[in-house]
Amino acid sequence: MIKNQQRSIITVSFSKSAVLSAIMLTGSLVNATAQKALPEAIAAPGETAILTLHAEGAQVYECKSGGDGTLTWAFREPIATLFQDGKTVGRHYAGPNWELSDGSTVVAQVAGTAPGMVANDIPLLKLTVTSRRGNGVLTPATTVQRINTAGGRLSGACYKAGSYESVPYSADYVFLRKG
């Protein structure tokens, strides 16, 4: 019986060590991810993050006739729901606009791009805020970064001008302010 009790103690002790090691490893991985620098083209040195939101939605493309008469897909607009801690807090749509349920909205224009992780990912972006509406969390935002993109890129030929395709995507949007 004493032999069995010792085995239990050893097992419990080993389990605690394994748990502590896993926690430390997870902390290291989170730290390494947090410290990973963004590509220079979308970095915002000297700016401070106000808010990070997760987006789930679609990138919408339209089949258009090019100058030479060939049909090609052209980006039309994003349509996405914005989430914070798993709860819907706003929406992202053409403009591009980011509108929160607190009434604040920002519109921005692209200032820098960097490739996504794989060919099917839309690019990472740095956008400069060009206008604001309402008063809320987004009011002081000067820059928006689109990071951690997944999906959203359309490939292949289009065959009928005026037709549309939606491609699912997700991304994180970081809203920053100067200083």
C-alpha atoms as a PDB file:
ATOM      1  CA  MET A   1       0.000   0.000   0.000  1.00  0.00           C
ATOM      2  CA  ILE A   2       2.827   2.416   0.724  1.00  0.00           C
ATOM      3  CA  LYS A   3       4.276   1.629  -2.675  1.00  0.00           C
ATOM      4  CA  ASN A   4       0.989   2.700  -4.354  1.00  0.00           C
ATOM      5  CA  GLN A   5       0.860   5.916  -2.332  1.00  0.00           C
ATOM      6  CA  GLN A   6       4.368   6.806  -3.444  1.00  0.00           C
ATOM      7  CA  ARG A   7       3.426   6.160  -7.047  1.00  0.00           C
ATOM      8  CA  SER A   8       0.458   8.528  -6.687  1.00  0.00           C
ATOM      9  CA  ILE A   9       2.669  11.190  -5.194  1.00  0.00           C
ATOM     10  CA  ILE A  10       5.137  10.839  -8.034  1.00  0.00           C
ATOM     11  CA  THR A  11       2.317  11.029 -10.586  1.00  0.00           C
ATOM     12  CA  VAL A  12       0.844  14.142  -8.971  1.00  0.00           C
ATOM     13  CA  SER A  13       4.273  15.729  -8.766  1.00  0.00           C
ATOM     14  CA  PHE A  14       4.935  14.938 -12.431  1.00  0.00           C
ATOM     15  CA  SER A  15       1.550  16.339 -13.442  1.00  0.00           C
ATOM     16  CA  LYS A  16       2.265  19.602 -11.642  1.00  0.00           C
ATOM     17  CA  SER A  17       5.639  19.866 -13.380  1.00  0.00           C
ATOM     18  CA  ALA A  18       4.057  19.168 -16.751  1.00  0.00           C
ATOM     19  CA  VAL A  19       1.370  21.794 -16.147  1.00  0.00           C
ATOM     20  CA  LEU A  20       3.933  24.388 -15.034  1.00  0.00           C
ATOM     21  CA  SER A  21       6.109  23.644 -18.067  1.00  0.00           C
ATOM     22  CA  ALA A  22       3.121  23.981 -20.399  1.00  0.00           C
ATOM     23  CA  ILE A  23       2.122  27.294 -18.811  1.00  0.00           C
ATOM     24  CA  MET A  24       5.657  28.649 -19.117  1.00  0.00           C
ATOM     25  CA  LEU A  25       5.915  27.489 -22.742  1.00  0.00           C
ATOM     26  CA  THR A  26       2.550  29.062 -23.585  1.00  0.00           C
ATOM     27  CA  GLY A  27       3.636  32.320 -21.962  1.00  0.00           C
ATOM     28  CA  SER A  28       6.833  32.273 -24.003  1.00  0.00           C
ATOM     29  CA  LEU A  29       4.920  31.680 -27.238  1.00  0.00           C
ATOM     30  CA  VAL A  30       2.482  34.504 -26.471  1.00  0.00           C
ATOM     31  CA  ASN A  31       5.394  36.792 -25.641  1.00  0.00           C
ATOM     32  CA  ALA A  32       7.212  35.866 -28.860  1.00  0.00           C
ATOM     33  CA  THR A  33       4.068  36.532 -30.890  1.00  0.00           C
ATOM     34  CA  ALA A  34       3.452  39.865 -29.162  1.00  0.00           C
ATOM     35  CA  GLN A  35       7.056  40.914 -29.809  1.00  0.00           C
ATOM     36  CA  LYS A  36       6.984  39.958 -33.502  1.00  0.00           C
ATOM     37  CA  ALA A  37       7.467  43.159 -35.449  1.00  0.00           C
ATOM     38  CA  LEU A  38       5.052  44.166 -38.177  1.00  0.00           C
ATOM     39  CA  PRO A  39       6.423  44.716 -41.675  1.00  0.00           C
ATOM     40  CA  GLU A  40       7.891  48.204 -42.040  1.00  0.00           C
ATOM     41  CA  ALA A  41       5.297  49.142 -44.686  1.00  0.00           C
ATOM     42  CA  ILE A  42       2.462  48.910 -42.146  1.00  0.00           C
ATOM     43  CA  ALA A  43       4.283  49.857 -38.943  1.00  0.00           C
ATOM     44  CA  ALA A  44       3.107  52.931 -37.059  1.00  0.00           C
ATOM     45  CA  PRO A  45       6.046  54.099 -34.949  1.00  0.00           C
ATOM     46  CA  GLY A  46       5.167  56.639 -32.280  1.00  0.00           C
ATOM     47  CA  GLU A  47       1.485  55.659 -32.250  1.00  0.00           C
ATOM     48  CA  THR A  48      -0.379  53.945 -29.423  1.00  0.00           C
ATOM     49  CA  ALA A  49      -3.048  51.267 -29.822  1.00  0.00           C
ATOM     50  CA  ILE A  50      -6.531  52.314 -28.711  1.00  0.00           C
ATOM     51  CA  LEU A  51      -8.418  49.160 -29.613  1.00  0.00           C
ATOM     52  CA  THR A  52      -8.027  45.870 -31.487  1.00  0.00           C
ATOM     53  CA  LEU A  53     -11.078  44.246 -33.057  1.00  0.00           C
ATOM     54  CA  HIS A  54     -11.508  40.952 -34.893  1.00  0.00           C
ATOM     55  CA  ALA A  55     -13.422  40.999 -38.182  1.00  0.00           C
ATOM     56  CA  GLU A  56     -15.269  38.155 -39.896  1.00  0.00           C
ATOM     57  CA  GLY A  57     -16.881  38.765 -43.245  1.00  0.00           C
ATOM     58  CA  ALA A  58     -16.285  38.834 -46.984  1.00  0.00           C
ATOM     59  CA  GLN A  59     -14.302  40.729 -49.567  1.00  0.00           C
ATOM     60  CA  VAL A  60     -16.613  41.488 -52.500  1.00  0.00           C
ATOM     61  CA  TYR A  61     -15.288  41.599 -56.068  1.00  0.00           C
ATOM     62  CA  GLU A  62     -16.908  42.737 -59.316  1.00  0.00           C
ATOM     63  CA  CYS A  63     -16.110  41.433 -62.804  1.00  0.00           C
ATOM     64  CA  LYS A  64     -15.136  44.441 -64.931  1.00  0.00           C
ATOM     65  CA  SER A  65     -13.905  44.994 -68.452  1.00  0.00           C
ATOM     66  CA  GLY A  66     -10.347  46.319 -68.553  1.00  0.00           C
ATOM     67  CA  GLY A  67      -9.032  48.981 -70.939  1.00  0.00           C
ATOM     68  CA  ASP A  68      -7.977  46.251 -73.362  1.00  0.00           C
ATOM     69  CA  GLY A  69     -11.418  44.575 -73.227  1.00  0.00           C
ATOM     70  CA  THR A  70     -10.357  41.649 -71.029  1.00  0.00           C
ATOM     71  CA  LEU A  71     -12.522  40.783 -68.054  1.00  0.00           C
ATOM     72  CA  THR A  72     -10.903  40.930 -64.634  1.00  0.00           C
ATOM     73  CA  TRP A  73     -11.978  40.845 -61.000  1.00  0.00           C
ATOM     74  CA  ALA A  74     -11.829  44.227 -59.262  1.00  0.00           C
ATOM     75  CA  PHE A  75     -12.147  44.703 -55.513  1.00  0.00           C
ATOM     76  CA  ARG A  76     -15.460  46.391 -54.699  1.00  0.00           C
ATOM     77  CA  GLU A  77     -15.926  46.452 -50.912  1.00  0.00           C
ATOM     78  CA  PRO A  78     -15.504  44.685 -47.587  1.00  0.00           C
ATOM     79  CA  ILE A  79     -18.502  43.556 -45.569  1.00  0.00           C
ATOM     80  CA  ALA A  80     -17.614  42.389 -42.054  1.00  0.00           C
ATOM     81  CA  THR A  81     -18.801  42.185 -38.496  1.00  0.00           C
ATOM     82  CA  LEU A  82     -16.425  43.531 -35.836  1.00  0.00           C
ATOM     83  CA  PHE A  83     -15.987  41.545 -32.620  1.00  0.00           C
ATOM     84  CA  GLN A  84     -14.433  42.234 -29.240  1.00  0.00           C
ATOM     85  CA  ASP A  85     -14.180  39.376 -26.749  1.00  0.00           C
ATOM     86  CA  GLY A  86     -16.571  37.351 -28.930  1.00  0.00           C
ATOM     87  CA  LYS A  87     -19.302  40.021 -28.899  1.00  0.00           C
ATOM     88  CA  THR A  88     -20.462  42.042 -31.906  1.00  0.00           C
ATOM     89  CA  VAL A  89     -19.408  45.684 -31.449  1.00  0.00           C
ATOM     90  CA  GLY A  90     -19.649  47.107 -34.947  1.00  0.00           C
ATOM     91  CA  ARG A  91     -19.278  46.697 -38.671  1.00  0.00           C
ATOM     92  CA  HIS A  92     -16.768  47.318 -41.450  1.00  0.00           C
ATOM     93  CA  TYR A  93     -17.925  48.315 -44.929  1.00  0.00           C
ATOM     94  CA  ALA A  94     -17.123  50.287 -48.104  1.00  0.00           C
ATOM     95  CA  GLY A  95     -15.210  53.499 -47.726  1.00  0.00           C
ATOM     96  CA  PRO A  96     -13.497  51.814 -45.941  1.00  0.00           C
ATOM     97  CA  ASN A  97     -15.558  52.582 -42.824  1.00  0.00           C
ATOM     98  CA  TRP A  98     -15.379  51.107 -39.337  1.00  0.00           C
ATOM     99  CA  GLU A  99     -18.500  51.859 -37.311  1.00  0.00           C
ATOM    100  CA  LEU A 100     -18.907  50.933 -33.649  1.00  0.00           C
ATOM    101  CA  SER A 101     -22.094  50.528 -31.647  1.00  0.00           C
ATOM    102  CA  ASP A 102     -20.992  53.514 -29.480  1.00  0.00           C
ATOM    103  CA  GLY A 103     -21.667  55.765 -32.497  1.00  0.00           C
ATOM    104  CA  SER A 104     -18.052  56.449 -33.480  1.00  0.00           C
ATOM    105  CA  THR A 105     -17.016  55.882 -37.102  1.00  0.00           C
ATOM    106  CA  VAL A 106     -13.752  56.385 -38.977  1.00  0.00           C
ATOM    107  CA  VAL A 107     -13.032  56.395 -42.699  1.00  0.00           C
ATOM    108  CA  ALA A 108      -9.490  55.735 -43.910  1.00  0.00           C
ATOM    109  CA  GLN A 109      -7.322  55.405 -46.996  1.00  0.00           C
ATOM    110  CA  VAL A 110      -4.492  52.963 -47.683  1.00  0.00           C
ATOM    111  CA  ALA A 111      -1.040  54.260 -46.765  1.00  0.00           C
ATOM    112  CA  GLY A 112       0.960  51.002 -46.888  1.00  0.00           C
ATOM    113  CA  THR A 113       0.647  47.305 -47.746  1.00  0.00           C
ATOM    114  CA  ALA A 114       2.473  44.069 -47.006  1.00  0.00           C
ATOM    115  CA  PRO A 115       1.717  40.539 -48.214  1.00  0.00           C
ATOM    116  CA  GLY A 116      -0.504  38.209 -46.182  1.00  0.00           C
ATOM    117  CA  MET A 117       0.932  34.937 -44.850  1.00  0.00           C
ATOM    118  CA  VAL A 118      -0.204  32.801 -47.822  1.00  0.00           C
ATOM    119  CA  ALA A 119      -1.311  33.497 -51.395  1.00  0.00           C
ATOM    120  CA  ASN A 120      -5.054  33.336 -50.546  1.00  0.00           C
ATOM    121  CA  ASP A 121      -4.770  35.979 -47.799  1.00  0.00           C
ATOM    122  CA  ILE A 122      -5.567  39.600 -48.505  1.00  0.00           C
ATOM    123  CA  PRO A 123      -2.640  41.914 -47.756  1.00  0.00           C
ATOM    124  CA  LEU A 124      -1.831  43.520 -44.429  1.00  0.00           C
ATOM    125  CA  LEU A 125      -2.608  47.235 -44.507  1.00  0.00           C
ATOM    126  CA  LYS A 126      -1.785  50.518 -42.859  1.00  0.00           C
ATOM    127  CA  LEU A 127      -4.561  53.071 -43.372  1.00  0.00           C
ATOM    128  CA  THR A 128      -4.609  56.754 -42.497  1.00  0.00           C
ATOM    129  CA  VAL A 129      -7.844  58.035 -40.975  1.00  0.00           C
ATOM    130  CA  THR A 130      -9.296  60.731 -43.249  1.00  0.00           C
ATOM    131  CA  SER A 131     -12.573  61.510 -41.457  1.00  0.00           C
ATOM    132  CA  ARG A 132     -14.544  60.781 -38.291  1.00  0.00           C
ATOM    133  CA  ARG A 133     -18.193  60.818 -37.260  1.00  0.00           C
ATOM    134  CA  GLY A 134     -19.767  60.564 -33.850  1.00  0.00           C
ATOM    135  CA  ASN A 135     -18.061  60.545 -30.498  1.00  0.00           C
ATOM    136  CA  GLY A 136     -16.710  57.358 -28.961  1.00  0.00           C
ATOM    137  CA  VAL A 137     -13.793  54.962 -28.803  1.00  0.00           C
ATOM    138  CA  LEU A 138     -12.684  55.564 -32.411  1.00  0.00           C
ATOM    139  CA  THR A 139     -12.775  59.378 -32.195  1.00  0.00           C
ATOM    140  CA  PRO A 140      -9.006  59.827 -31.484  1.00  0.00           C
ATOM    141  CA  ALA A 141      -7.900  57.208 -34.065  1.00  0.00           C
ATOM    142  CA  THR A 142      -5.367  58.415 -36.633  1.00  0.00           C
ATOM    143  CA  THR A 143      -4.259  55.082 -38.110  1.00  0.00           C
ATOM    144  CA  VAL A 144      -5.804  51.640 -38.700  1.00  0.00           C
ATOM    145  CA  GLN A 145      -3.724  48.506 -39.236  1.00  0.00           C
ATOM    146  CA  ARG A 146      -5.171  45.343 -40.793  1.00  0.00           C
ATOM    147  CA  ILE A 147      -3.173  42.376 -39.499  1.00  0.00           C
ATOM    148  CA  ASN A 148      -3.558  38.593 -39.121  1.00  0.00           C
ATOM    149  CA  THR A 149      -5.459  38.281 -42.395  1.00  0.00           C
ATOM    150  CA  ALA A 150      -6.884  34.928 -43.489  1.00  0.00           C
ATOM    151  CA  GLY A 151      -8.575  34.383 -46.854  1.00  0.00           C
ATOM    152  CA  GLY A 152     -10.362  37.066 -48.832  1.00  0.00           C
ATOM    153  CA  ARG A 153      -8.336  36.930 -52.046  1.00  0.00           C
ATOM    154  CA  LEU A 154     -10.164  35.964 -55.234  1.00  0.00           C
ATOM    155  CA  SER A 155      -8.357  34.092 -57.949  1.00  0.00           C
ATOM    156  CA  GLY A 156      -9.470  32.813 -61.309  1.00  0.00           C
ATOM    157  CA  ALA A 157     -11.070  34.326 -64.338  1.00  0.00           C
ATOM    158  CA  CYS A 158     -14.358  36.162 -64.521  1.00  0.00           C
ATOM    159  CA  TYR A 159     -16.657  35.568 -67.449  1.00  0.00           C
ATOM    160  CA  LYS A 160     -19.482  38.110 -67.220  1.00  0.00           C
ATOM    161  CA  ALA A 161     -19.025  41.840 -66.662  1.00  0.00           C
ATOM    162  CA  GLY A 162     -21.148  43.053 -63.751  1.00  0.00           C
ATOM    163  CA  SER A 163     -21.093  39.746 -61.881  1.00  0.00           C
ATOM    164  CA  TYR A 164     -20.004  39.628 -58.215  1.00  0.00           C
ATOM    165  CA  GLU A 165     -18.108  37.177 -56.032  1.00  0.00           C
ATOM    166  CA  SER A 166     -17.739  37.231 -52.252  1.00  0.00           C
ATOM    167  CA  VAL A 167     -14.716  35.600 -50.616  1.00  0.00           C
ATOM    168  CA  PRO A 168     -14.778  34.919 -46.854  1.00  0.00           C
ATOM    169  CA  TYR A 169     -12.017  36.524 -44.809  1.00  0.00           C
ATOM    170  CA  SER A 170     -11.005  37.354 -41.274  1.00  0.00           C
ATOM    171  CA  ALA A 171      -8.563  39.914 -39.937  1.00  0.00           C
ATOM    172  CA  ASP A 172      -7.708  41.940 -36.883  1.00  0.00           C
ATOM    173  CA  TYR A 173      -7.976  45.728 -37.040  1.00  0.00           C
ATOM    174  CA  VAL A 174      -5.793  47.773 -34.710  1.00  0.00           C
ATOM    175  CA  PHE A 175      -6.876  51.378 -34.174  1.00  0.00           C
ATOM    176  CA  LEU A 176      -4.065  53.719 -33.140  1.00  0.00           C
ATOM    177  CA  ARG A 177      -3.644  57.334 -32.113  1.00  0.00           C
ATOM    178  CA  LYS A 178      -0.623  59.629 -32.231  1.00  0.00           C
ATOM    179  CA  GLY A 179       1.547  59.596 -29.124  1.00  0.00           C
END
